[in-house]
Protein backbone atom coordinates (compact mmCIF):
# COMPACT_ATOMS: atom_id res chain seq x y z
CA UNK A 1 0.00 0.00 0.00
CA UNK A 2 1.54 3.35 -1.05
CA UNK A 3 1.60 6.66 0.83
CA UNK A 4 -1.46 8.10 -0.91
CA UNK A 5 -3.54 5.07 0.12
CA UNK A 6 -2.29 5.42 3.70
CA UNK A 7 -3.32 9.06 3.74
CA UNK A 8 -6.86 8.18 2.62
CA UNK A 9 -7.24 5.55 5.33
CA UNK A 10 -5.69 7.34 8.29
CA UNK A 11 -7.75 10.42 9.10
CA UNK A 12 -6.70 13.01 11.63
CA UNK A 13 -9.21 13.97 14.33
CA UNK A 14 -11.11 17.19 13.52
CA UNK A 15 -9.58 20.40 14.88
CA UNK A 16 -12.11 22.10 17.19
CA UNK A 17 -10.72 25.50 16.18
CA UNK A 18 -11.50 24.93 12.48
CA UNK A 19 -15.05 25.90 11.52
CA UNK A 20 -15.01 25.71 7.74
CA UNK A 21 -12.99 24.63 4.69
CA UNK A 22 -13.26 26.14 1.20
CA UNK A 23 -14.49 24.02 -1.77
CA UNK A 24 -10.91 23.40 -2.97
CA UNK A 25 -9.75 22.35 0.52
CA UNK A 26 -7.01 24.97 0.35
CA UNK A 27 -8.25 27.47 2.95
CA UNK A 28 -9.44 26.63 6.47
CA UNK A 29 -11.36 29.11 8.61
CA UNK A 30 -10.75 29.36 12.35
CA UNK A 31 -13.10 30.48 15.11
CA UNK A 32 -11.08 33.61 15.84
CA UNK A 33 -12.78 36.82 14.70
CA UNK A 34 -10.26 39.53 13.83
CA UNK A 35 -12.67 42.18 12.56
CA UNK A 36 -16.32 43.02 12.10
CA UNK A 37 -17.74 45.56 9.67
CA UNK A 38 -21.17 46.87 8.72
CA UNK A 39 -22.03 43.79 6.66
CA UNK A 40 -19.07 41.41 6.89
CA UNK A 41 -17.08 39.49 9.48
CA UNK A 42 -13.36 38.80 9.14
CA UNK A 43 -11.88 35.57 10.53
CA UNK A 44 -8.36 34.29 10.83
CA UNK A 45 -7.69 31.52 8.30
CA UNK A 46 -4.86 29.44 6.89
CA UNK A 47 -3.67 28.73 3.35
CA UNK A 48 -2.48 25.12 3.40
CA UNK A 49 -0.84 25.35 -0.04
CA UNK A 50 1.41 28.34 0.64
CA UNK A 51 1.56 27.70 4.38
CA UNK A 52 0.54 31.24 5.36
CA UNK A 53 -2.12 32.78 7.56
CA UNK A 54 -4.78 34.75 5.66
CA UNK A 55 -7.94 36.74 6.34
CA UNK A 56 -11.30 35.10 5.52
CA UNK A 57 -13.91 37.82 4.86
CA UNK A 58 -17.42 36.44 5.07
CA UNK A 59 -20.73 38.08 4.17
CA UNK A 60 -24.16 36.51 4.57
CA UNK A 61 -26.10 36.63 1.30
CA UNK A 62 -29.41 37.31 3.05
CA UNK A 63 -27.92 40.42 4.65
CA UNK A 64 -26.66 41.97 1.41
CA UNK A 65 -29.72 41.03 -0.65
CA UNK A 66 -31.87 43.07 1.71
CA UNK A 67 -29.88 46.15 0.78
CA UNK A 68 -29.05 46.89 -2.88
CA UNK A 69 -26.36 49.33 -1.72
CA UNK A 70 -24.63 46.61 0.34
CA UNK A 71 -24.70 44.23 -2.61
CA UNK A 72 -23.15 46.88 -4.86
CA UNK A 73 -20.46 47.54 -2.24
CA UNK A 74 -19.64 43.85 -2.15
CA UNK A 75 -19.36 43.51 -5.94
CA UNK A 76 -17.31 46.73 -6.08
CA UNK A 77 -14.80 45.51 -3.49
CA UNK A 78 -14.30 42.12 -5.15
CA UNK A 79 -13.95 43.71 -8.60
CA UNK A 80 -11.40 46.28 -7.41
CA UNK A 81 -9.38 43.91 -5.25
CA UNK A 82 -8.95 41.54 -8.19
CA UNK A 83 -7.62 44.34 -10.41
CA UNK A 84 -5.30 46.13 -7.96
CA UNK A 85 -1.71 45.10 -7.32
CA UNK A 86 0.35 47.42 -5.14
CA UNK A 87 2.51 47.01 -2.05
CA UNK A 88 0.33 49.44 -0.08
CA UNK A 89 -3.07 48.05 -1.12
CA UNK A 90 -4.46 44.98 0.61
CA UNK A 91 -3.80 41.85 -1.47
CA UNK A 92 -6.65 39.73 -2.88
CA UNK A 93 -6.24 35.92 -3.12
CA UNK A 94 -9.59 34.33 -3.94
CA UNK A 95 -13.39 34.55 -3.63
CA UNK A 96 -16.45 32.32 -4.05
CA UNK A 97 -20.13 32.02 -3.19
CA UNK A 98 -21.24 29.22 -0.88
CA UNK A 99 -24.82 28.38 -1.94
CA UNK A 100 -25.30 25.86 0.84
CA UNK A 101 -24.37 28.22 3.69
CA UNK A 102 -25.57 31.31 1.80
CA UNK A 103 -22.34 33.25 2.20
CA UNK A 104 -19.95 35.24 0.03
CA UNK A 105 -16.31 34.56 0.94
CA UNK A 106 -13.24 36.64 0.11
CA UNK A 107 -9.68 35.61 1.01
CA UNK A 108 -7.20 38.48 1.49
CA UNK A 109 -3.85 38.87 3.15
CA UNK A 110 -3.81 38.95 6.95
CA UNK A 111 -2.54 41.86 9.00
CA UNK A 112 -1.36 40.52 12.32
CA UNK A 113 -1.63 43.85 14.16
CA UNK A 114 -5.09 44.81 12.89
CA UNK A 115 -6.14 48.31 11.95
CA UNK A 116 -3.88 51.33 12.30
CA UNK A 117 -6.42 52.87 14.71
CA UNK A 118 -6.22 49.87 17.06
CA UNK A 119 -2.42 49.67 16.70
CA UNK A 120 -1.92 53.39 17.41
CA UNK A 121 -4.06 53.23 20.53
CA UNK A 122 -2.11 50.21 21.76
CA UNK A 123 1.28 51.88 21.12
CA UNK A 124 0.81 55.50 22.18
CA UNK A 125 4.49 56.39 22.54
CA UNK A 126 5.75 56.24 18.97
CA UNK A 127 8.50 58.39 17.48
CA UNK A 128 7.50 60.82 14.71
CA UNK A 129 9.85 58.91 12.38
CA UNK A 130 7.44 55.93 12.53
CA UNK A 131 4.38 58.15 11.97
CA UNK A 132 6.06 59.65 8.90
CA UNK A 133 6.84 56.16 7.62
CA UNK A 134 3.16 55.16 7.94
CA UNK A 135 2.12 58.43 6.31
CA UNK A 136 4.34 57.86 3.29
CA UNK A 137 2.95 54.35 2.77
CA UNK A 138 -0.66 55.56 2.93
CA UNK A 139 0.12 58.31 0.42
CA UNK A 140 1.85 55.84 -1.91
CA UNK A 141 -1.26 53.65 -1.83
CA UNK A 142 -3.46 56.67 -2.62
CA UNK A 143 -1.12 57.77 -5.40
CA UNK A 144 -1.54 54.32 -6.96
CA UNK A 145 -5.35 54.41 -6.72
CA UNK A 146 -5.57 57.97 -8.07
CA UNK A 147 -3.17 57.22 -10.96
CA UNK A 148 -5.44 54.53 -12.41
CA UNK A 149 -7.28 55.25 -15.68
CA UNK A 150 -9.85 56.33 -14.72
CA UNK A 151 -8.86 57.27 -11.11
CA UNK A 152 -10.18 55.21 -8.20
CA UNK A 153 -11.53 57.11 -5.19
CA UNK A 154 -11.56 55.23 -1.89
CA UNK A 155 -14.29 57.45 -0.34
CA UNK A 156 -14.04 55.91 3.13
CA UNK A 157 -10.41 56.33 4.12
CA UNK A 158 -9.88 56.25 7.89
CA UNK A 159 -7.53 54.52 10.33
CA UNK A 160 -10.11 51.72 10.77
CA UNK A 161 -9.63 50.85 7.07
CA UNK A 162 -5.83 51.05 7.08
CA UNK A 163 -4.03 47.91 8.26
CA UNK A 164 -0.56 47.29 9.64
CA UNK A 165 1.85 44.43 10.20
CA UNK A 166 3.54 45.58 13.39
CA UNK A 167 6.55 43.29 13.11
CA UNK A 168 8.00 45.36 10.26
CA UNK A 169 5.76 48.44 10.01
CA UNK A 170 4.10 47.55 6.69
CA UNK A 171 0.93 49.63 6.11
CA UNK A 172 -1.77 48.92 3.51
CA UNK A 173 -5.10 50.47 2.55
CA UNK A 174 -8.06 48.09 2.75
CA UNK A 175 -11.87 47.94 2.86
CA UNK A 176 -12.54 49.17 -0.67
CA UNK A 177 -16.27 48.52 -0.38
CA UNK A 178 -17.13 52.20 -0.93
CA UNK A 179 -14.46 52.84 -3.56
CA UNK A 180 -15.59 54.04 -6.96
CA UNK A 181 -14.05 54.33 -10.40
CA UNK A 182 -14.33 57.98 -11.40
CA UNK A 183 -15.60 57.52 -14.96
CA UNK A 184 -16.41 61.23 -15.28
CA UNK A 185 -14.72 64.45 -14.19
CA UNK A 186 -16.55 64.46 -10.85
CA UNK A 187 -18.35 61.78 -8.83
CA UNK A 188 -21.90 62.43 -7.64
CA UNK A 189 -22.94 60.37 -4.61
CA UNK A 190 -22.76 61.16 -0.89
CA UNK A 191 -21.09 58.27 0.91
CA UNK A 192 -18.48 57.67 3.63
CA UNK A 193 -17.87 58.27 7.35
CA UNK A 194 -19.00 61.81 8.37
CA UNK A 195 -15.97 62.55 10.55
CA UNK A 196 -13.63 61.96 7.59
CA UNK A 197 -15.74 63.26 4.68
CA UNK A 198 -14.53 66.27 2.69
CA UNK A 199 -16.92 69.26 2.38
CA UNK A 200 -17.32 68.73 -1.37
CA UNK A 201 -18.63 65.19 -0.74
CA UNK A 202 -21.78 66.71 0.75
CA UNK A 203 -22.23 68.79 -2.43
CA UNK A 204 -22.07 65.57 -4.50
CA UNK A 205 -19.39 67.12 -6.69
CA UNK A 206 -15.93 65.80 -5.91
CA UNK A 207 -12.84 64.04 -7.29
CA UNK A 208 -9.93 61.99 -5.92
CA UNK A 209 -8.78 64.94 -3.76
CA UNK A 210 -11.61 64.04 -1.37
CA UNK A 211 -9.37 61.15 -0.27
CA UNK A 212 -6.62 63.64 0.60
CA UNK A 213 -8.98 65.44 3.00
CA UNK A 214 -9.80 62.07 4.61
CA UNK A 215 -6.08 61.30 4.78
CA UNK A 216 -5.53 64.57 6.67
CA UNK A 217 -8.14 63.47 9.19
CA UNK A 218 -6.32 60.12 9.48
CA UNK A 219 -3.15 62.01 10.32
CA UNK A 220 -5.06 63.98 12.94
CA UNK A 221 -6.36 60.77 14.49
CA UNK A 222 -2.87 59.25 14.49
CA UNK A 223 -1.38 62.10 16.53
CA UNK A 224 -4.33 62.83 18.84
CA UNK A 225 -5.69 59.27 19.37
CA UNK A 226 -9.29 60.41 18.85
CA UNK A 227 -11.84 60.65 16.06
CA UNK A 228 -12.10 64.09 14.42
CA UNK A 229 -15.14 66.10 15.57
CA UNK A 230 -15.59 63.89 18.64
CA UNK A 231 -16.99 67.03 20.29
CA UNK A 232 -20.08 66.67 18.09
CA UNK A 233 -23.02 64.53 19.26
CA UNK A 234 -24.36 63.49 15.84
CA UNK A 235 -23.75 63.58 12.08
CA UNK A 236 -25.86 66.71 11.65
CA UNK A 237 -23.54 68.70 13.94
CA UNK A 238 -20.51 67.38 12.04
CA UNK A 239 -22.06 68.39 8.71
CA UNK A 240 -22.79 71.89 10.02
CA UNK A 241 -19.18 72.41 11.13
CA UNK A 242 -17.64 70.90 8.00
CA UNK A 243 -19.83 72.95 5.65
CA UNK A 244 -19.00 76.10 7.66
CA UNK A 245 -15.26 75.45 7.38
CA UNK A 246 -14.83 74.85 11.13
CA UNK A 247 -11.94 72.46 11.82
CA UNK A 248 -12.07 69.70 14.49
CA UNK A 249 -11.29 70.81 18.04
CA UNK A 250 -8.53 68.19 18.22
CA UNK A 251 -6.51 70.10 15.60
CA UNK A 252 -5.82 72.88 18.12
CA UNK A 253 -4.32 70.27 20.46
CA UNK A 254 -1.58 69.25 18.00
CA UNK A 255 1.56 70.63 19.63
CA UNK A 256 4.11 70.04 16.87
CA UNK A 257 3.82 73.00 14.45
CA UNK A 258 5.21 70.99 11.49
CA UNK A 259 2.67 68.20 11.99
CA UNK A 260 -0.16 70.70 12.33
CA UNK A 261 0.90 72.56 9.18
CA UNK A 262 1.06 69.31 7.19
CA UNK A 263 -2.44 68.28 8.34
CA UNK A 264 -3.82 71.72 7.46
CA UNK A 265 -2.45 71.38 3.91
CA UNK A 266 -4.63 68.28 3.50
CA UNK A 267 -7.73 70.08 4.79
CA UNK A 268 -7.55 73.04 2.41
CA UNK A 269 -10.43 73.64 -0.05
CA UNK A 270 -10.35 71.18 -2.94
CA UNK A 271 -9.09 73.82 -5.40
CA UNK A 272 -5.99 74.41 -3.20
CA UNK A 273 -5.46 70.86 -1.97
CA UNK A 274 -2.32 69.00 -3.05
CA UNK A 275 -2.42 65.55 -4.63
CA UNK A 276 -0.92 62.42 -3.04
CA UNK A 277 1.99 62.64 -5.49
CA UNK A 278 2.71 66.24 -4.46
CA UNK A 279 2.37 65.55 -0.73
CA UNK A 280 4.98 62.80 -0.99
CA UNK A 281 7.48 65.51 -1.95
CA UNK A 282 6.65 67.65 1.08
CA UNK A 283 9.72 68.41 3.29
CA UNK A 284 7.78 67.23 6.33
CA UNK A 285 8.08 63.63 5.16
CA UNK A 286 11.85 63.81 4.92
CA UNK A 287 13.13 62.02 8.03
CA UNK A 288 15.74 64.26 9.65
CA UNK A 289 19.03 62.40 9.47
CA UNK A 290 17.27 59.05 9.86
CA UNK A 291 15.89 57.74 6.58
CA UNK A 292 14.05 54.44 6.27
CA UNK A 293 17.14 52.96 4.60
CA UNK A 294 19.45 54.27 7.31
CA UNK A 295 18.26 52.93 10.69
CA UNK A 296 19.30 54.15 14.11
CA UNK A 297 22.95 53.39 14.89
CA UNK A 298 23.25 50.65 17.49
CA UNK A 299 26.25 49.31 19.40
CA UNK A 300 28.12 46.61 17.53
CA UNK A 301 29.04 43.40 19.30
CA UNK A 302 32.83 43.10 19.43
CA UNK A 303 34.36 39.63 19.79
CA UNK A 304 36.74 39.52 22.76
CA UNK A 305 40.41 38.69 22.38
CA UNK A 306 41.59 35.28 23.47
CA UNK A 307 42.55 35.29 27.13
CA UNK A 308 41.95 33.82 30.55
CA UNK A 309 38.56 35.53 30.84
CA UNK A 310 37.47 35.35 27.19
CA UNK A 311 34.55 32.98 27.83
CA UNK A 312 32.86 35.21 30.40
CA UNK A 313 33.09 38.67 28.91
CA UNK A 314 31.04 40.35 26.22
CA UNK A 315 31.97 43.61 24.52
CA UNK A 316 30.16 46.17 22.39
CA UNK A 317 31.05 49.51 20.90
CA UNK A 318 28.43 52.20 20.37
CA UNK A 319 28.41 55.02 17.80
CA UNK A 320 29.78 58.44 18.85
CA UNK A 321 27.12 60.29 20.82
CA UNK A 322 25.69 63.19 18.86
CA UNK A 323 23.89 64.85 21.74
CA UNK A 324 25.94 67.00 24.09
CA UNK A 325 24.66 70.10 25.84
CA UNK A 326 28.12 71.64 26.30
CA UNK A 327 31.70 70.65 25.38
CA UNK A 328 33.62 68.17 27.57
CA UNK A 329 37.03 69.79 27.20
CA UNK A 330 37.86 70.38 30.88
CA UNK A 331 40.43 67.92 32.29
CA UNK A 332 39.62 66.98 35.87
CA UNK A 333 42.25 66.78 38.59
CA UNK A 334 42.60 63.12 39.56
CA UNK A 335 43.30 63.95 43.21
CA UNK A 336 39.99 65.77 43.61
CA UNK A 337 37.98 63.60 41.24
CA UNK A 338 36.26 61.32 43.73
CA UNK A 339 33.91 58.53 42.67
CA UNK A 340 30.13 58.90 42.89
CA UNK A 341 28.35 55.82 44.22
CA UNK A 342 24.60 55.28 43.76
CA UNK A 343 22.31 52.42 44.76
CA UNK A 344 19.14 51.01 43.21
CA UNK A 345 17.02 47.88 43.23
CA UNK A 346 16.41 45.72 40.15
CA UNK A 347 13.59 43.20 40.79
CA UNK A 348 14.82 42.53 44.29
CA UNK A 349 18.48 42.35 43.32
CA UNK A 350 20.76 45.08 44.64
CA UNK A 351 22.43 47.18 41.96
CA UNK A 352 25.34 49.57 42.58
CA UNK A 353 26.85 52.10 40.21
CA UNK A 354 30.21 53.87 40.53
CA UNK A 355 30.98 56.86 38.30
CA UNK A 356 34.31 58.60 37.96
CA UNK A 357 36.13 60.82 35.46
CA UNK A 358 39.77 60.79 34.43
CA UNK A 359 41.36 63.30 32.06
CA UNK A 360 38.34 63.72 29.80
CA UNK A 361 37.34 60.04 29.90
CA UNK A 362 34.30 59.02 31.91
CA UNK A 363 33.96 55.62 33.54
CA UNK A 364 30.70 54.06 34.73
CA UNK A 365 30.87 50.69 36.49
CA UNK A 366 27.64 48.86 37.33
CA UNK A 367 27.39 45.78 39.47
CA UNK A 368 24.50 43.47 40.24
CA UNK A 369 24.41 40.30 42.30
CA UNK A 370 24.32 37.35 39.92
CA UNK A 371 24.21 34.64 42.60
CA UNK A 372 25.83 33.96 45.99
CA UNK A 373 29.28 33.56 44.46
CA UNK A 374 29.37 36.00 41.53
CA UNK A 375 28.65 39.58 40.55
CA UNK A 376 27.73 40.79 37.06
CA UNK A 377 29.84 43.83 36.13
CA UNK A 378 29.35 46.27 33.26
CA UNK A 379 32.02 48.86 32.55
CA UNK A 380 31.20 51.68 30.13
CA UNK A 381 33.70 54.27 28.99
CA UNK A 382 32.95 57.50 27.14
CA UNK A 383 35.99 59.28 25.72
CA UNK A 384 36.43 62.94 24.76
CA UNK A 385 35.06 62.28 21.26
CA UNK A 386 31.88 60.65 22.53
CA UNK A 387 32.98 57.12 21.62
CA UNK A 388 31.32 54.56 23.91
CA UNK A 389 32.81 51.16 24.75
CA UNK A 390 31.12 48.56 26.97
CA UNK A 391 32.35 45.34 28.53
CA UNK A 392 30.12 42.89 30.41
CA UNK A 393 32.03 40.72 32.86
CA UNK A 394 31.21 37.97 35.39
CA UNK A 395 33.25 38.43 38.60
CA UNK A 396 33.69 35.31 40.80
CA UNK A 397 34.21 36.21 44.47
CA UNK A 398 36.19 33.10 45.37
CA UNK A 399 38.83 33.34 42.63
CA UNK A 400 38.93 36.80 41.05
CA UNK A 401 40.58 40.00 42.26
CA UNK A 402 39.97 43.57 41.20
CA UNK A 403 43.47 43.83 39.70
CA UNK A 404 43.14 40.62 37.64
CA UNK A 405 39.78 41.60 36.20
CA UNK A 406 40.90 45.19 35.63
CA UNK A 407 43.97 44.01 33.70
CA UNK A 408 41.76 41.87 31.46
CA UNK A 409 39.35 44.76 30.87
CA UNK A 410 42.22 47.10 29.96
CA UNK A 411 43.59 44.52 27.50
CA UNK A 412 40.19 43.81 25.91
CA UNK A 413 39.30 47.52 25.58
CA UNK A 414 42.83 48.42 24.41
CA UNK A 415 43.37 51.00 27.16
CA UNK A 416 46.72 52.18 28.51
CA UNK A 417 48.25 50.32 31.46
CA UNK A 418 47.80 53.40 33.65
CA UNK A 419 44.09 52.55 33.77
CA UNK A 420 44.58 49.19 35.50
CA UNK A 421 44.74 50.63 39.03
CA UNK A 422 42.06 53.20 38.25
CA UNK A 423 39.54 50.54 37.13
CA UNK A 424 40.59 48.18 39.95
CA UNK A 425 39.70 50.95 42.41
CA UNK A 426 36.23 51.24 40.82
CA UNK A 427 35.72 47.47 41.13
CA UNK A 428 36.81 47.32 44.77
CA UNK A 429 34.70 50.38 45.72
CA UNK A 430 31.68 48.68 44.16
CA UNK A 431 32.37 45.34 45.88
CA UNK A 432 32.97 46.96 49.30
CA UNK A 433 29.54 48.58 49.05
CA UNK A 434 27.90 45.36 47.84
CA UNK A 435 29.72 42.82 50.06
CA UNK A 436 30.52 44.19 53.57
CA UNK A 437 33.14 41.47 54.20
CA UNK A 438 34.97 42.03 50.91
CA UNK A 439 38.76 42.33 51.20
CA UNK A 440 40.05 44.83 48.67
CA UNK A 441 42.91 44.11 46.31
CA UNK A 442 43.91 47.78 46.02
CA UNK A 443 43.72 50.64 48.51
CA UNK A 444 40.43 52.53 48.30
CA UNK A 445 40.05 53.95 51.82
CA UNK A 446 41.50 57.30 50.76
CA UNK A 447 38.85 57.62 48.04
CA UNK A 448 35.94 56.86 50.36
CA UNK A 449 37.12 58.77 53.46
CA UNK A 450 38.49 61.74 51.48
CA UNK A 451 35.13 62.23 49.86
CA UNK A 452 33.36 62.16 53.23
CA UNK A 453 35.88 64.57 54.82
CA UNK A 454 35.82 66.95 51.85
CA UNK A 455 32.05 67.17 51.87
CA UNK A 456 32.02 67.61 55.66
CA UNK A 457 34.52 70.52 55.56
CA UNK A 458 32.70 72.16 52.72
CA UNK A 459 29.44 71.92 54.63
CA UNK A 460 30.96 73.49 57.75
CA UNK A 461 32.50 76.38 55.79
CA UNK A 462 29.35 76.99 53.81
CA UNK A 463 31.25 76.34 50.56
CA UNK A 464 30.40 73.97 47.78
CA UNK A 465 32.57 70.82 47.58
CA UNK A 466 34.99 70.40 44.69
CA UNK A 467 32.82 67.66 43.18
CA UNK A 468 30.07 70.19 42.49
CA UNK A 469 32.48 72.39 40.53
CA UNK A 470 33.32 69.47 38.27
CA UNK A 471 29.81 68.14 37.89
CA UNK A 472 29.03 70.19 34.75
CA UNK A 473 31.57 68.18 32.80
CA UNK A 474 30.59 64.94 34.52
CA UNK A 475 26.94 65.63 33.71
CA UNK A 476 27.84 65.70 30.00
CA UNK A 477 29.40 62.26 30.31
CA UNK A 478 26.35 60.88 32.08
CA UNK A 479 24.15 62.26 29.31
CA UNK A 480 26.42 60.68 26.69
CA UNK A 481 26.21 57.30 28.38
CA UNK A 482 22.43 57.53 28.83
CA UNK A 483 22.07 58.51 25.17
CA UNK A 484 24.00 55.50 23.90
CA UNK A 485 22.75 52.62 26.05
CA UNK A 486 19.80 51.66 28.19
CA UNK A 487 20.15 51.22 31.94
CA UNK A 488 20.44 47.61 33.13
CA UNK A 489 19.22 48.58 36.59
CA UNK A 490 16.05 50.68 36.34
CA UNK A 491 16.10 53.85 38.40
CA UNK A 492 13.57 56.50 39.09
CA UNK A 493 14.04 59.97 37.61
CA UNK A 494 15.06 61.22 41.06
CA UNK A 495 17.74 58.55 41.41
CA UNK A 496 19.01 59.38 37.91
CA UNK A 497 19.41 63.01 38.87
CA UNK A 498 21.31 62.07 42.03
CA UNK A 499 23.98 60.43 39.84
CA UNK A 500 25.15 63.82 38.59
CA UNK A 501 23.93 66.05 41.44
CA UNK A 502 25.04 63.81 44.33
CA UNK A 503 26.52 66.65 46.41
CA UNK A 504 23.87 69.30 45.74
CA UNK A 505 21.51 67.81 48.31
CA UNK A 506 24.19 68.11 51.04
CA UNK A 507 24.48 71.92 50.79
CA UNK A 508 20.71 72.43 50.67
CA UNK A 509 20.35 73.31 46.99
CA UNK A 510 16.71 73.62 45.98
CA UNK A 511 14.95 71.53 43.35
CA UNK A 512 14.59 74.69 41.32
CA UNK A 513 18.37 75.13 41.17
CA UNK A 514 18.71 71.52 40.03
CA UNK A 515 16.30 72.08 37.17
CA UNK A 516 18.10 75.26 36.10
CA UNK A 517 21.44 73.43 36.05
CA UNK A 518 20.46 71.44 32.97
CA UNK A 519 19.03 72.55 29.67
CA UNK A 520 15.36 71.68 29.07
CA UNK A 521 14.63 68.85 26.66
CA UNK A 522 11.47 68.82 24.55
CA UNK A 523 8.99 65.98 25.02
CA UNK A 524 9.53 64.87 21.42
CA UNK A 525 13.31 64.79 21.86
CA UNK A 526 12.96 62.91 25.15
CA UNK A 527 10.64 60.37 23.52
CA UNK A 528 13.02 59.97 20.56
CA UNK A 529 15.94 59.29 22.90
CA UNK A 530 13.87 56.86 24.97
CA UNK A 531 13.01 54.92 21.83
CA UNK A 532 16.68 54.86 20.80
CA UNK A 533 17.58 53.43 24.20
CA UNK A 534 14.89 50.76 23.90
CA UNK A 535 16.10 49.78 20.42
CA UNK A 536 19.71 49.65 21.62
CA UNK A 537 18.78 47.40 24.54
CA UNK A 538 16.64 45.16 22.32
CA UNK A 539 19.49 44.85 19.80
CA UNK A 540 21.93 44.03 22.58
CA UNK A 541 19.68 41.33 24.04
CA UNK A 542 19.17 39.85 20.56
CA UNK A 543 22.91 39.74 19.84
CA UNK A 544 23.62 38.33 23.30
CA UNK A 545 21.19 35.46 22.68
CA UNK A 546 22.78 34.77 19.30
CA UNK A 547 26.31 34.70 20.76
CA UNK A 548 25.14 32.40 23.59
CA UNK A 549 23.52 30.08 21.04
CA UNK A 550 26.67 29.92 18.90
CA UNK A 551 28.81 29.26 21.96
CA UNK A 552 26.56 26.38 23.05
CA UNK A 553 26.63 24.94 19.53
CA UNK A 554 30.43 25.14 19.41
CA UNK A 555 30.76 23.48 22.84
CA UNK A 556 28.36 20.73 21.81
CA UNK A 557 30.21 20.16 18.54
CA UNK A 558 33.60 19.97 20.26
CA UNK A 559 32.23 17.69 22.98
CA UNK A 560 30.80 15.36 20.34
CA UNK A 561 34.13 15.22 18.50
CA UNK A 562 35.92 14.51 21.79
CA UNK A 563 33.51 11.66 22.57
CA UNK A 564 34.05 10.15 19.11
CA UNK A 565 37.82 10.30 19.52
CA UNK A 566 37.59 8.45 22.85
CA UNK A 567 35.39 5.76 21.29
CA UNK A 568 37.83 5.29 18.41
CA UNK A 569 40.71 4.93 20.84
């Protein structure tokens, strides 16, 4: 009996999640509903031939036959989807009528993250670079529709009808049920969603530029998270405002002047409104220094040199930091440059950070308890040019010393030998604060006690300690480090500020003075930097997993070879 005969005899038990199979047995429909419209329901489905998930759009025949308009919408969508092929228009696969179940079925591509409206509400903190990327894709889809002969008008463009694959930011226009082929100079039917309808739609005399008005309202929804004209109670109130030229109240709440200006261009009267092709050339859509083909710079993983500690250290080198509020050209006096020690808690594990500057270079050492016998160390160095180097190291309490580990770090990071003692002091200061019984390898008492004595004398004399005079330069280094990598031990904003203003609290400086000591950062800039930090951390974790996987594979391969050699012997 051959394989085909076996397959016909042995039947798999039915999958309770599968509700329906198409007549060709290619597509299977699951229970999961991923969308519901005015006259259709969208289910998750699977294409067994191509092995991909798809969307199964289903309409009940009885529902559409009761409304001639709904039937026309259905035929229009199927007809258009079959004819359109563009990377920013939802892709059509197949369609059929099921006479037995009285349904019309349409298979289209599946968007894992749903509509742009749902996605935007789920991810509220998104950099303007991403919003511009979505905007460009929507406009490219509209440009394609409007460039057809004759032009195709969507007529119901809104974030509910725009879909996104969140794993790589792909955006496509869908739900073409109200779309029309403009066979004459102007279309003549009132149709669409009132909040997004252009004024000329109500006059039943419009062209493809009506979609641009709707697109402007989509932009407004993307940046404000609310429907336009949500202040209105019904469609009549919306119509009255639109026909009177009154813009949505949410437009006044757009803080970014460039975003607001771009939206207003889309909402101009039809005679002044730009086309999708022209809007794509607008300077607003040019990503400042960060194009879609030139992603954010992230730290590169650097393979360590061969050595005694090679298997338990991981290195990375970040790009030069572009953000610096003031130059870091002042060389600090080593004798007066005392370390700053801060403490935090990371999910119940104690985390200690030691910061110190040396001749224009800034050192940040972080330590966190790994287990009873080891401490995870991360040393980050920012030099005068903003170059950032990181080394992650596992320190074993029963066998390692600060000097040994420091020597390895200096060799791996290609630093001068003069830094061995300096870094060893950082390690021992951290370990003394983390492990009360720790016996230091180098002398650090003078660093700890001198700092206490200096601050005490300064407090008695009413003068500011030397550390505060140097903190302007040290603050720049902290900002450079924070700009180029994400913190491994989460701290509150107050704890972060203490890292660079550690001595201000001792002389009674007010919170107001602390705020004036640093330059204000806009919310957009702060959000952009936060996103960079998140991407850097994500990239680091990804690379770390990959290196760990390769190491395990190499160990397994070598172990296997060793076992084979022993067997052969």
